Amino acid sequence: MTEKNQEKHKARQQKVKENVDQKVAQANIEQGILQVITGNGKGKSTSGFGTVARCVGHGMQAAVVQFIKGNWECGERNLLEKAGVPFAVMKTGFTWETQNRETDTQAAQATWLQAKEWLKDDSIDLILLDELTYMVSYDYLELDDVIETLSNRPKMQSVIITGRGAHRRLTELADTVSEVKNIKHAFDAGVKAQKGFDF
């Protein structure tokens, strides 16, 4: 790189640094963050679990609520329970497998009751509500109750909601919204879900 190009690069990076520094200086609000990770792509739950691992790695307390998931082995649960992370699991499995609206609704509401207890507990720094969006879409949980509970949680408690088709009111309430887009998926090409990668 020539000296002239180096100077141009340095000037550009200095502007970037000034912009970042300004934003950091302006970010002075102390509060927990509500994040919604939605979209049709793979990686929503994985992203949520990554943040749970980050939280626990800092010696903080996290809890996980898994809607839809069944009783099958879950690598994240195997690891995080050993690190003291409590899990509430709906355990009925995928709705297209159970095909029973009444039992699915009862299971969702029972799991939500545990989530609500954790959403009052200011000793829990982060809660992952994995696949919650479906519970709202299928009317297994009342949206107003979900919104009210999230709105009244402890000030410093962060929450991550995952799942496709997040309701507009959830994304409006959220501080951060990420959409995972599906470009290509191995399953569509007939590749089986792989232990240690997909589950």
N, C-alpha and C. Protein backbone atom coordinates (compact mmCIF):
# COMPACT_ATOMS: atom_id res chain seq x y z
N MET A 1 0.84 -1.18 0.00
CA MET A 1 0.00 0.00 0.00
C MET A 1 0.89 1.25 0.00
N THR A 2 0.57 2.16 -0.91
CA THR A 2 1.37 3.39 -0.98
C THR A 2 1.07 4.28 0.22
N GLU A 3 1.97 5.23 0.43
CA GLU A 3 1.79 6.15 1.56
C GLU A 3 0.50 6.95 1.42
N LYS A 4 0.18 7.33 0.18
CA LYS A 4 -1.04 8.10 -0.07
C LYS A 4 -2.29 7.27 0.26
N ASN A 5 -2.27 6.00 -0.20
CA ASN A 5 -3.40 5.12 0.08
C ASN A 5 -3.53 4.85 1.58
N GLN A 6 -2.39 4.73 2.24
CA GLN A 6 -2.40 4.51 3.69
C GLN A 6 -3.03 5.70 4.41
N GLU A 7 -2.73 6.89 3.94
CA GLU A 7 -3.30 8.09 4.57
C GLU A 7 -4.82 8.15 4.35
N LYS A 8 -5.26 7.79 3.13
CA LYS A 8 -6.71 7.76 2.84
C LYS A 8 -7.42 6.73 3.73
N HIS A 9 -6.78 5.57 3.85
CA HIS A 9 -7.35 4.52 4.70
C HIS A 9 -7.45 5.00 6.15
N LYS A 10 -6.39 5.61 6.63
CA LYS A 10 -6.35 6.10 8.01
C LYS A 10 -7.44 7.15 8.24
N ALA A 11 -7.63 8.04 7.27
CA ALA A 11 -8.65 9.09 7.39
C ALA A 11 -10.05 8.49 7.43
N ARG A 12 -10.29 7.49 6.56
CA ARG A 12 -11.61 6.82 6.56
C ARG A 12 -11.87 6.14 7.90
N GLN A 13 -10.87 5.41 8.40
CA GLN A 13 -11.03 4.68 9.66
C GLN A 13 -11.19 5.64 10.84
N GLN A 14 -10.56 6.79 10.77
CA GLN A 14 -10.71 7.80 11.82
C GLN A 14 -12.15 8.30 11.88
N LYS A 15 -12.78 8.48 10.70
CA LYS A 15 -14.18 8.90 10.66
C LYS A 15 -15.09 7.82 11.24
N VAL A 16 -14.79 6.57 10.90
CA VAL A 16 -15.57 5.45 11.45
C VAL A 16 -15.44 5.46 12.97
N LYS A 17 -14.22 5.60 13.47
CA LYS A 17 -13.97 5.61 14.91
C LYS A 17 -14.72 6.74 15.60
N GLU A 18 -14.73 7.91 14.99
CA GLU A 18 -15.42 9.06 15.58
C GLU A 18 -16.93 8.80 15.66
N ASN A 19 -17.49 8.20 14.60
CA ASN A 19 -18.92 7.87 14.61
C ASN A 19 -19.25 6.84 15.68
N VAL A 20 -18.42 5.79 15.78
CA VAL A 20 -18.65 4.75 16.79
C VAL A 20 -18.52 5.34 18.19
N ASP A 21 -17.47 6.11 18.41
CA ASP A 21 -17.24 6.73 19.73
C ASP A 21 -18.42 7.61 20.13
N GLN A 22 -18.96 8.35 19.16
CA GLN A 22 -20.10 9.23 19.44
C GLN A 22 -21.32 8.41 19.86
N LYS A 23 -21.58 7.30 19.15
CA LYS A 23 -22.73 6.45 19.49
C LYS A 23 -22.54 5.81 20.86
N VAL A 24 -21.33 5.37 21.17
CA VAL A 24 -21.05 4.78 22.48
C VAL A 24 -21.29 5.81 23.57
N ALA A 25 -20.85 7.03 23.35
CA ALA A 25 -21.02 8.10 24.35
C ALA A 25 -22.50 8.44 24.57
N GLN A 26 -23.30 8.32 23.51
CA GLN A 26 -24.73 8.66 23.60
C GLN A 26 -25.56 7.53 24.21
N ALA A 27 -25.02 6.31 24.22
CA ALA A 27 -25.76 5.15 24.75
C ALA A 27 -25.57 5.10 26.27
N ASN A 28 -26.45 5.80 26.99
CA ASN A 28 -26.29 5.88 28.44
C ASN A 28 -27.49 5.33 29.21
N ILE A 29 -28.40 4.65 28.53
CA ILE A 29 -29.56 4.06 29.19
C ILE A 29 -29.18 2.69 29.72
N GLU A 30 -29.48 2.45 30.99
CA GLU A 30 -29.22 1.14 31.62
C GLU A 30 -30.53 0.39 31.74
N GLN A 31 -30.67 -0.68 30.96
CA GLN A 31 -31.88 -1.50 31.04
C GLN A 31 -31.62 -2.84 30.37
N GLY A 32 -32.44 -3.83 30.74
CA GLY A 32 -32.40 -5.11 30.05
C GLY A 32 -32.90 -4.92 28.62
N ILE A 33 -32.54 -5.82 27.76
CA ILE A 33 -32.89 -5.72 26.34
C ILE A 33 -33.87 -6.83 25.97
N LEU A 34 -34.89 -6.46 25.23
CA LEU A 34 -35.82 -7.44 24.66
C LEU A 34 -35.46 -7.60 23.19
N GLN A 35 -35.06 -8.80 22.81
CA GLN A 35 -34.69 -9.09 21.42
C GLN A 35 -35.63 -10.12 20.84
N VAL A 36 -36.05 -9.89 19.61
CA VAL A 36 -36.83 -10.87 18.85
C VAL A 36 -35.98 -11.32 17.68
N ILE A 37 -35.80 -12.65 17.56
CA ILE A 37 -35.08 -13.23 16.43
C ILE A 37 -36.08 -14.04 15.63
N THR A 38 -36.43 -13.57 14.46
CA THR A 38 -37.50 -14.19 13.67
C THR A 38 -37.02 -14.42 12.24
N GLY A 39 -37.92 -14.82 11.38
CA GLY A 39 -37.57 -15.10 9.98
C GLY A 39 -37.60 -16.59 9.70
N ASN A 40 -37.50 -16.93 8.41
CA ASN A 40 -37.62 -18.32 7.97
C ASN A 40 -36.31 -19.08 7.90
N GLY A 41 -35.20 -18.42 8.20
CA GLY A 41 -33.91 -19.08 8.10
C GLY A 41 -33.53 -19.87 9.33
N LYS A 42 -32.52 -20.72 9.17
CA LYS A 42 -31.99 -21.53 10.27
C LYS A 42 -31.07 -20.68 11.14
N GLY A 43 -31.12 -20.89 12.44
CA GLY A 43 -30.16 -20.25 13.33
C GLY A 43 -30.75 -19.36 14.41
N LYS A 44 -32.08 -19.27 14.47
CA LYS A 44 -32.71 -18.38 15.46
C LYS A 44 -32.47 -18.89 16.88
N SER A 45 -32.81 -20.14 17.13
CA SER A 45 -32.59 -20.71 18.45
C SER A 45 -31.10 -20.78 18.77
N THR A 46 -30.30 -21.14 17.77
CA THR A 46 -28.85 -21.23 17.96
C THR A 46 -28.28 -19.89 18.41
N SER A 47 -28.75 -18.82 17.80
CA SER A 47 -28.32 -17.48 18.19
C SER A 47 -28.71 -17.19 19.63
N GLY A 48 -29.95 -17.52 19.97
CA GLY A 48 -30.42 -17.30 21.34
C GLY A 48 -29.59 -18.07 22.36
N PHE A 49 -29.29 -19.32 22.05
CA PHE A 49 -28.48 -20.14 22.96
C PHE A 49 -27.05 -19.60 23.06
N GLY A 50 -26.55 -19.02 21.98
CA GLY A 50 -25.23 -18.42 22.04
C GLY A 50 -25.18 -17.29 23.04
N THR A 51 -26.24 -16.49 23.10
CA THR A 51 -26.29 -15.40 24.06
C THR A 51 -26.45 -15.93 25.48
N VAL A 52 -27.20 -17.01 25.64
CA VAL A 52 -27.30 -17.66 26.96
C VAL A 52 -25.92 -18.10 27.42
N ALA A 53 -25.16 -18.73 26.53
CA ALA A 53 -23.80 -19.18 26.88
C ALA A 53 -22.92 -17.99 27.25
N ARG A 54 -23.05 -16.90 26.52
CA ARG A 54 -22.28 -15.68 26.83
C ARG A 54 -22.63 -15.17 28.23
N CYS A 55 -23.92 -15.14 28.55
CA CYS A 55 -24.39 -14.67 29.85
C CYS A 55 -23.79 -15.53 30.98
N VAL A 56 -23.91 -16.85 30.82
CA VAL A 56 -23.40 -17.78 31.84
C VAL A 56 -21.88 -17.67 31.95
N GLY A 57 -21.22 -17.44 30.82
CA GLY A 57 -19.77 -17.29 30.82
C GLY A 57 -19.30 -16.10 31.63
N HIS A 58 -20.17 -15.12 31.81
CA HIS A 58 -19.85 -13.95 32.63
C HIS A 58 -20.25 -14.15 34.09
N GLY A 59 -20.68 -15.38 34.43
CA GLY A 59 -21.08 -15.66 35.81
C GLY A 59 -22.45 -15.14 36.15
N MET A 60 -23.25 -14.87 35.13
CA MET A 60 -24.61 -14.36 35.34
C MET A 60 -25.62 -15.50 35.25
N GLN A 61 -26.85 -15.21 35.64
CA GLN A 61 -27.89 -16.24 35.69
C GLN A 61 -28.80 -16.16 34.47
N ALA A 62 -29.02 -17.30 33.83
CA ALA A 62 -29.93 -17.38 32.68
C ALA A 62 -30.91 -18.51 32.90
N ALA A 63 -32.02 -18.44 32.18
CA ALA A 63 -33.03 -19.51 32.20
C ALA A 63 -33.56 -19.67 30.78
N VAL A 64 -33.99 -20.89 30.46
CA VAL A 64 -34.46 -21.19 29.10
C VAL A 64 -35.85 -21.82 29.16
N VAL A 65 -36.73 -21.31 28.32
CA VAL A 65 -38.07 -21.89 28.15
C VAL A 65 -38.17 -22.37 26.71
N GLN A 66 -38.40 -23.67 26.53
CA GLN A 66 -38.49 -24.24 25.18
C GLN A 66 -39.92 -24.64 24.87
N PHE A 67 -40.56 -23.86 24.02
CA PHE A 67 -41.87 -24.22 23.50
C PHE A 67 -41.66 -25.10 22.27
N ILE A 68 -42.62 -25.96 21.98
CA ILE A 68 -42.61 -26.86 20.82
C ILE A 68 -41.67 -28.06 21.02
N LYS A 69 -40.49 -27.85 21.57
CA LYS A 69 -39.51 -28.94 21.68
C LYS A 69 -40.09 -30.12 22.47
N GLY A 70 -39.70 -31.33 22.07
CA GLY A 70 -40.16 -32.54 22.74
C GLY A 70 -39.16 -33.03 23.78
N ASN A 71 -39.21 -34.33 24.03
CA ASN A 71 -38.35 -34.94 25.05
C ASN A 71 -37.01 -35.41 24.50
N TRP A 72 -36.78 -35.22 23.20
CA TRP A 72 -35.55 -35.74 22.60
C TRP A 72 -34.33 -35.00 23.13
N GLU A 73 -33.17 -35.61 22.92
CA GLU A 73 -31.93 -35.04 23.41
C GLU A 73 -31.66 -33.68 22.77
N CYS A 74 -31.17 -32.77 23.59
CA CYS A 74 -30.87 -31.41 23.12
C CYS A 74 -29.48 -31.06 23.61
N GLY A 75 -28.54 -30.86 22.69
CA GLY A 75 -27.16 -30.60 23.04
C GLY A 75 -27.00 -29.36 23.92
N GLU A 76 -27.77 -28.31 23.61
CA GLU A 76 -27.69 -27.09 24.40
C GLU A 76 -28.13 -27.35 25.84
N ARG A 77 -29.21 -28.11 25.99
CA ARG A 77 -29.71 -28.42 27.34
C ARG A 77 -28.70 -29.27 28.09
N ASN A 78 -28.11 -30.26 27.41
CA ASN A 78 -27.10 -31.12 28.04
C ASN A 78 -25.97 -30.28 28.64
N LEU A 79 -25.54 -29.27 27.90
CA LEU A 79 -24.42 -28.44 28.34
C LEU A 79 -24.83 -27.43 29.41
N LEU A 80 -25.91 -26.71 29.14
CA LEU A 80 -26.26 -25.58 29.99
C LEU A 80 -26.84 -25.98 31.34
N GLU A 81 -27.54 -27.11 31.39
CA GLU A 81 -28.03 -27.57 32.70
C GLU A 81 -26.88 -27.87 33.64
N LYS A 82 -25.77 -28.37 33.09
CA LYS A 82 -24.58 -28.63 33.91
C LYS A 82 -23.99 -27.33 34.45
N ALA A 83 -24.26 -26.22 33.74
CA ALA A 83 -23.77 -24.91 34.17
C ALA A 83 -24.78 -24.18 35.05
N GLY A 84 -25.84 -24.91 35.47
CA GLY A 84 -26.81 -24.34 36.40
C GLY A 84 -27.96 -23.59 35.76
N VAL A 85 -28.14 -23.74 34.45
CA VAL A 85 -29.23 -23.03 33.77
C VAL A 85 -30.50 -23.88 33.86
N PRO A 86 -31.57 -23.36 34.48
CA PRO A 86 -32.83 -24.12 34.54
C PRO A 86 -33.56 -24.06 33.20
N PHE A 87 -34.23 -25.16 32.88
CA PHE A 87 -35.00 -25.27 31.64
C PHE A 87 -36.46 -25.60 31.98
N ALA A 88 -37.38 -24.98 31.27
CA ALA A 88 -38.79 -25.38 31.26
C ALA A 88 -39.09 -25.80 29.83
N VAL A 89 -39.50 -27.04 29.65
CA VAL A 89 -39.67 -27.59 28.30
C VAL A 89 -41.12 -28.04 28.13
N MET A 90 -41.74 -27.60 27.05
CA MET A 90 -43.14 -27.93 26.79
C MET A 90 -43.35 -29.44 26.62
N LYS A 91 -42.40 -30.11 25.99
CA LYS A 91 -42.31 -31.57 25.91
C LYS A 91 -43.35 -32.26 25.04
N THR A 92 -44.27 -31.52 24.43
CA THR A 92 -45.25 -32.20 23.58
C THR A 92 -44.73 -32.48 22.18
N GLY A 93 -43.65 -31.80 21.80
CA GLY A 93 -43.11 -31.99 20.46
C GLY A 93 -43.76 -31.05 19.46
N PHE A 94 -43.46 -31.26 18.20
CA PHE A 94 -43.98 -30.39 17.15
C PHE A 94 -45.49 -30.53 17.01
N THR A 95 -46.17 -29.42 16.76
CA THR A 95 -47.62 -29.44 16.69
C THR A 95 -48.13 -30.31 15.54
N TRP A 96 -47.34 -30.41 14.47
CA TRP A 96 -47.78 -31.25 13.35
C TRP A 96 -47.65 -32.74 13.66
N GLU A 97 -46.91 -33.05 14.74
CA GLU A 97 -46.82 -34.44 15.21
C GLU A 97 -47.96 -34.76 16.17
N THR A 98 -48.23 -33.85 17.12
CA THR A 98 -49.26 -34.13 18.14
C THR A 98 -50.65 -34.05 17.55
N GLN A 99 -50.90 -33.04 16.72
CA GLN A 99 -52.19 -32.82 16.07
C GLN A 99 -53.34 -32.79 17.08
N ASN A 100 -53.05 -32.28 18.29
CA ASN A 100 -54.06 -32.19 19.33
C ASN A 100 -54.01 -30.80 19.94
N ARG A 101 -54.92 -29.95 19.50
CA ARG A 101 -54.90 -28.55 19.93
C ARG A 101 -55.10 -28.41 21.43
N GLU A 102 -55.97 -29.21 22.00
CA GLU A 102 -56.28 -29.07 23.43
C GLU A 102 -55.07 -29.38 24.30
N THR A 103 -54.40 -30.50 24.03
CA THR A 103 -53.25 -30.86 24.86
C THR A 103 -52.07 -29.92 24.60
N ASP A 104 -51.91 -29.46 23.35
CA ASP A 104 -50.85 -28.51 23.05
C ASP A 104 -51.08 -27.19 23.78
N THR A 105 -52.33 -26.73 23.80
CA THR A 105 -52.66 -25.48 24.49
C THR A 105 -52.38 -25.60 25.98
N GLN A 106 -52.81 -26.72 26.57
CA GLN A 106 -52.57 -26.94 28.01
C GLN A 106 -51.08 -26.97 28.32
N ALA A 107 -50.32 -27.65 27.47
CA ALA A 107 -48.87 -27.75 27.69
C ALA A 107 -48.21 -26.38 27.55
N ALA A 108 -48.64 -25.62 26.55
CA ALA A 108 -48.08 -24.28 26.33
C ALA A 108 -48.37 -23.38 27.53
N GLN A 109 -49.59 -23.44 28.03
CA GLN A 109 -49.96 -22.58 29.14
C GLN A 109 -49.24 -22.97 30.43
N ALA A 110 -49.05 -24.26 30.64
CA ALA A 110 -48.30 -24.72 31.82
C ALA A 110 -46.85 -24.25 31.75
N THR A 111 -46.26 -24.34 30.56
CA THR A 111 -44.88 -23.89 30.37
C THR A 111 -44.78 -22.38 30.53
N TRP A 112 -45.78 -21.65 30.04
CA TRP A 112 -45.81 -20.20 30.16
C TRP A 112 -45.90 -19.77 31.62
N LEU A 113 -46.62 -20.54 32.44
CA LEU A 113 -46.70 -20.21 33.88
C LEU A 113 -45.32 -20.21 34.52
N GLN A 114 -44.48 -21.18 34.15
CA GLN A 114 -43.10 -21.19 34.66
C GLN A 114 -42.33 -19.99 34.14
N ALA A 115 -42.52 -19.69 32.85
CA ALA A 115 -41.84 -18.53 32.27
C ALA A 115 -42.23 -17.26 33.01
N LYS A 116 -43.50 -17.12 33.34
CA LYS A 116 -43.97 -15.91 34.03
C LYS A 116 -43.32 -15.76 35.40
N GLU A 117 -43.09 -16.88 36.08
CA GLU A 117 -42.40 -16.80 37.38
C GLU A 117 -40.98 -16.28 37.19
N TRP A 118 -40.29 -16.78 36.19
CA TRP A 118 -38.92 -16.32 35.92
C TRP A 118 -38.91 -14.87 35.47
N LEU A 119 -39.96 -14.45 34.75
CA LEU A 119 -40.03 -13.07 34.26
C LEU A 119 -40.37 -12.07 35.37
N LYS A 120 -40.54 -12.56 36.60
CA LYS A 120 -40.70 -11.68 37.78
C LYS A 120 -39.44 -11.67 38.63
N ASP A 121 -38.51 -12.56 38.34
CA ASP A 121 -37.36 -12.81 39.20
C ASP A 121 -36.16 -11.95 38.79
N ASP A 122 -35.85 -10.94 39.59
CA ASP A 122 -34.76 -10.05 39.20
C ASP A 122 -33.37 -10.64 39.40
N SER A 123 -33.30 -11.88 39.92
CA SER A 123 -31.99 -12.55 40.02
C SER A 123 -31.62 -13.23 38.70
N ILE A 124 -32.57 -13.33 37.78
CA ILE A 124 -32.31 -13.94 36.47
C ILE A 124 -32.00 -12.81 35.47
N ASP A 125 -30.80 -12.85 34.93
CA ASP A 125 -30.34 -11.78 34.04
C ASP A 125 -30.87 -11.91 32.61
N LEU A 126 -31.06 -13.16 32.17
CA LEU A 126 -31.46 -13.40 30.78
C LEU A 126 -32.39 -14.60 30.70
N ILE A 127 -33.46 -14.45 29.93
CA ILE A 127 -34.39 -15.56 29.68
C ILE A 127 -34.54 -15.74 28.18
N LEU A 128 -34.35 -16.97 27.73
CA LEU A 128 -34.60 -17.32 26.34
C LEU A 128 -35.97 -17.96 26.24
N LEU A 129 -36.87 -17.34 25.47
CA LEU A 129 -38.20 -17.89 25.21
C LEU A 129 -38.17 -18.46 23.80
N ASP A 130 -37.70 -19.69 23.71
CA ASP A 130 -37.44 -20.32 22.42
C ASP A 130 -38.73 -20.78 21.76
N GLU A 131 -38.99 -20.30 20.55
CA GLU A 131 -40.17 -20.65 19.74
C GLU A 131 -41.47 -20.08 20.32
N LEU A 132 -41.38 -19.02 21.10
CA LEU A 132 -42.59 -18.40 21.66
C LEU A 132 -43.51 -17.87 20.57
N THR A 133 -42.96 -17.43 19.46
CA THR A 133 -43.79 -16.81 18.42
C THR A 133 -44.91 -17.73 17.96
N TYR A 134 -44.64 -19.04 17.90
CA TYR A 134 -45.66 -19.99 17.47
C TYR A 134 -46.81 -20.06 18.46
N MET A 135 -46.50 -19.96 19.74
CA MET A 135 -47.53 -20.06 20.77
C MET A 135 -48.53 -18.91 20.64
N VAL A 136 -48.03 -17.76 20.21
CA VAL A 136 -48.89 -16.60 19.97
C VAL A 136 -49.67 -16.79 18.67
N SER A 137 -48.97 -17.21 17.62
CA SER A 137 -49.61 -17.39 16.30
C SER A 137 -50.74 -18.42 16.36
N TYR A 138 -50.54 -19.50 17.13
CA TYR A 138 -51.53 -20.56 17.23
C TYR A 138 -52.60 -20.28 18.27
N ASP A 139 -52.52 -19.12 18.94
CA ASP A 139 -53.46 -18.76 20.00
C ASP A 139 -53.43 -19.72 21.18
N TYR A 140 -52.27 -20.32 21.43
CA TYR A 140 -52.11 -21.14 22.63
C TYR A 140 -51.92 -20.25 23.85
N LEU A 141 -51.33 -19.07 23.63
CA LEU A 141 -51.12 -18.08 24.68
C LEU A 141 -51.79 -16.78 24.26
N GLU A 142 -52.31 -16.03 25.25
CA GLU A 142 -52.92 -14.75 24.95
C GLU A 142 -51.84 -13.69 24.73
N LEU A 143 -51.91 -13.05 23.59
CA LEU A 143 -50.91 -12.04 23.25
C LEU A 143 -50.86 -10.92 24.28
N ASP A 144 -52.02 -10.48 24.75
CA ASP A 144 -52.05 -9.39 25.73
C ASP A 144 -51.30 -9.78 27.00
N ASP A 145 -51.46 -11.03 27.43
CA ASP A 145 -50.78 -11.51 28.63
C ASP A 145 -49.27 -11.54 28.41
N VAL A 146 -48.86 -12.00 27.24
CA VAL A 146 -47.43 -12.06 26.91
C VAL A 146 -46.84 -10.65 26.91
N ILE A 147 -47.52 -9.71 26.25
CA ILE A 147 -47.03 -8.33 26.17
C ILE A 147 -46.96 -7.70 27.57
N GLU A 148 -47.99 -7.90 28.36
CA GLU A 148 -48.01 -7.32 29.71
C GLU A 148 -46.90 -7.89 30.57
N THR A 149 -46.69 -9.20 30.50
CA THR A 149 -45.66 -9.84 31.30
C THR A 149 -44.27 -9.35 30.90
N LEU A 150 -44.02 -9.26 29.61
CA LEU A 150 -42.73 -8.77 29.14
C LEU A 150 -42.51 -7.31 29.54
N SER A 151 -43.57 -6.53 29.47
CA SER A 151 -43.46 -5.10 29.78
C SER A 151 -43.18 -4.85 31.26
N ASN A 152 -43.63 -5.77 32.12
CA ASN A 152 -43.50 -5.59 33.57
C ASN A 152 -42.37 -6.39 34.20
N ARG A 153 -41.50 -6.97 33.38
CA ARG A 153 -40.40 -7.75 33.93
C ARG A 153 -39.41 -6.82 34.64
N PRO A 154 -38.50 -7.37 35.46
CA PRO A 154 -37.50 -6.53 36.13
C PRO A 154 -36.71 -5.68 35.12
N LYS A 155 -36.37 -4.47 35.52
CA LYS A 155 -35.78 -3.48 34.61
C LYS A 155 -34.51 -3.97 33.92
N MET A 156 -33.67 -4.71 34.65
CA MET A 156 -32.38 -5.11 34.09
C MET A 156 -32.41 -6.52 33.48
N GLN A 157 -33.56 -7.13 33.43
CA GLN A 157 -33.66 -8.49 32.87
C GLN A 157 -33.79 -8.42 31.34
N SER A 158 -32.95 -9.17 30.65
CA SER A 158 -33.03 -9.27 29.19
C SER A 158 -33.78 -10.52 28.78
N VAL A 159 -34.44 -10.45 27.64
CA VAL A 159 -35.24 -11.57 27.13
C VAL A 159 -34.99 -11.70 25.63
N ILE A 160 -34.85 -12.95 25.19
CA ILE A 160 -34.75 -13.24 23.76
C ILE A 160 -35.93 -14.13 23.38
N ILE A 161 -36.65 -13.72 22.35
CA ILE A 161 -37.77 -14.49 21.80
C ILE A 161 -37.37 -14.97 20.42
N THR A 162 -37.55 -16.27 20.16
CA THR A 162 -37.25 -16.79 18.83
C THR A 162 -38.49 -17.40 18.19
N GLY A 163 -38.40 -17.58 16.88
CA GLY A 163 -39.46 -18.25 16.13
C GLY A 163 -39.88 -17.48 14.90
N ARG A 164 -40.45 -18.18 13.98
CA ARG A 164 -40.92 -17.57 12.73
C ARG A 164 -42.16 -16.72 12.99
N GLY A 165 -42.39 -15.79 12.08
CA GLY A 165 -43.65 -15.04 12.06
C GLY A 165 -43.95 -14.30 13.35
N ALA A 166 -42.97 -13.60 13.89
CA ALA A 166 -43.21 -12.85 15.13
C ALA A 166 -44.34 -11.84 14.94
N HIS A 167 -45.24 -11.80 15.89
CA HIS A 167 -46.37 -10.86 15.83
C HIS A 167 -45.86 -9.43 15.83
N ARG A 168 -46.54 -8.57 15.11
CA ARG A 168 -46.15 -7.16 14.99
C ARG A 168 -46.00 -6.51 16.37
N ARG A 169 -46.87 -6.83 17.31
CA ARG A 169 -46.80 -6.20 18.63
C ARG A 169 -45.54 -6.63 19.39
N LEU A 170 -45.06 -7.84 19.13
CA LEU A 170 -43.81 -8.28 19.76
C LEU A 170 -42.62 -7.52 19.18
N THR A 171 -42.62 -7.36 17.86
CA THR A 171 -41.49 -6.64 17.25
C THR A 171 -41.53 -5.15 17.60
N GLU A 172 -42.71 -4.59 17.78
CA GLU A 172 -42.82 -3.19 18.18
C GLU A 172 -42.32 -2.99 19.61
N LEU A 173 -42.59 -3.95 20.48
CA LEU A 173 -42.15 -3.87 21.88
C LEU A 173 -40.65 -4.07 22.02
N ALA A 174 -40.08 -4.86 21.12
CA ALA A 174 -38.67 -5.25 21.23
C ALA A 174 -37.72 -4.06 21.05
N ASP A 175 -36.57 -4.15 21.71
CA ASP A 175 -35.50 -3.17 21.53
C ASP A 175 -34.66 -3.51 20.30
N THR A 176 -34.48 -4.82 20.07
CA THR A 176 -33.68 -5.29 18.95
C THR A 176 -34.47 -6.38 18.22
N VAL A 177 -34.55 -6.28 16.91
CA VAL A 177 -35.24 -7.29 16.09
C VAL A 177 -34.28 -7.73 15.00
N SER A 178 -34.07 -9.04 14.90
CA SER A 178 -33.23 -9.61 13.85
C SER A 178 -34.07 -10.58 13.03
N GLU A 179 -33.91 -10.52 11.72
CA GLU A 179 -34.61 -11.44 10.83
C GLU A 179 -33.60 -12.35 10.15
N VAL A 180 -33.77 -13.64 10.33
CA VAL A 180 -32.88 -14.63 9.74
C VAL A 180 -33.51 -15.09 8.42
N LYS A 181 -32.81 -14.83 7.33
CA LYS A 181 -33.33 -15.14 5.99
C LYS A 181 -32.79 -16.48 5.52
N ASN A 182 -33.67 -17.26 4.91
CA ASN A 182 -33.28 -18.57 4.39
C ASN A 182 -32.81 -18.43 2.94
N ILE A 183 -31.53 -18.65 2.71
CA ILE A 183 -30.98 -18.64 1.35
C ILE A 183 -30.93 -20.06 0.81
N LYS A 184 -30.50 -20.97 1.66
CA LYS A 184 -30.31 -22.36 1.26
C LYS A 184 -30.32 -23.20 2.53
N HIS A 185 -30.89 -24.41 2.48
CA HIS A 185 -30.93 -25.27 3.67
C HIS A 185 -30.65 -26.71 3.24
N ALA A 186 -29.75 -27.35 3.97
CA ALA A 186 -29.36 -28.72 3.63
C ALA A 186 -30.55 -29.68 3.61
N PHE A 187 -31.51 -29.48 4.53
CA PHE A 187 -32.67 -30.36 4.62
C PHE A 187 -33.47 -30.37 3.32
N ASP A 188 -33.54 -29.21 2.66
CA ASP A 188 -34.27 -29.12 1.39
C ASP A 188 -33.62 -29.95 0.30
N ALA A 189 -32.33 -30.26 0.47
CA ALA A 189 -31.61 -31.09 -0.49
C ALA A 189 -31.57 -32.55 -0.05
N GLY A 190 -32.33 -32.87 1.02
CA GLY A 190 -32.44 -34.25 1.49
C GLY A 190 -31.40 -34.65 2.52
N VAL A 191 -30.66 -33.69 3.07
CA VAL A 191 -29.65 -34.02 4.08
C VAL A 191 -30.32 -34.13 5.44
N LYS A 192 -30.10 -35.24 6.14
CA LYS A 192 -30.70 -35.46 7.46
C LYS A 192 -30.13 -34.47 8.47
N ALA A 193 -30.95 -34.14 9.48
CA ALA A 193 -30.48 -33.30 10.59
C ALA A 193 -29.33 -34.02 11.30
N GLN A 194 -28.28 -33.27 11.58
CA GLN A 194 -27.06 -33.86 12.13
C GLN A 194 -26.90 -33.53 13.61
N LYS A 195 -26.66 -34.57 14.41
CA LYS A 195 -26.40 -34.40 15.83
C LYS A 195 -25.15 -33.53 16.01
N GLY A 196 -25.23 -32.57 16.93
CA GLY A 196 -24.10 -31.69 17.17
C GLY A 196 -24.08 -30.48 16.26
N PHE A 197 -24.94 -30.50 15.25
CA PHE A 197 -25.03 -29.34 14.34
C PHE A 197 -26.46 -28.79 14.32
N ASP A 198 -27.43 -29.67 14.12
CA ASP A 198 -28.83 -29.26 14.05
C ASP A 198 -29.55 -29.43 15.38
N PHE A 199 -29.06 -30.31 16.25
CA PHE A 199 -29.71 -30.53 17.53
C PHE A 199 -28.71 -30.96 18.56
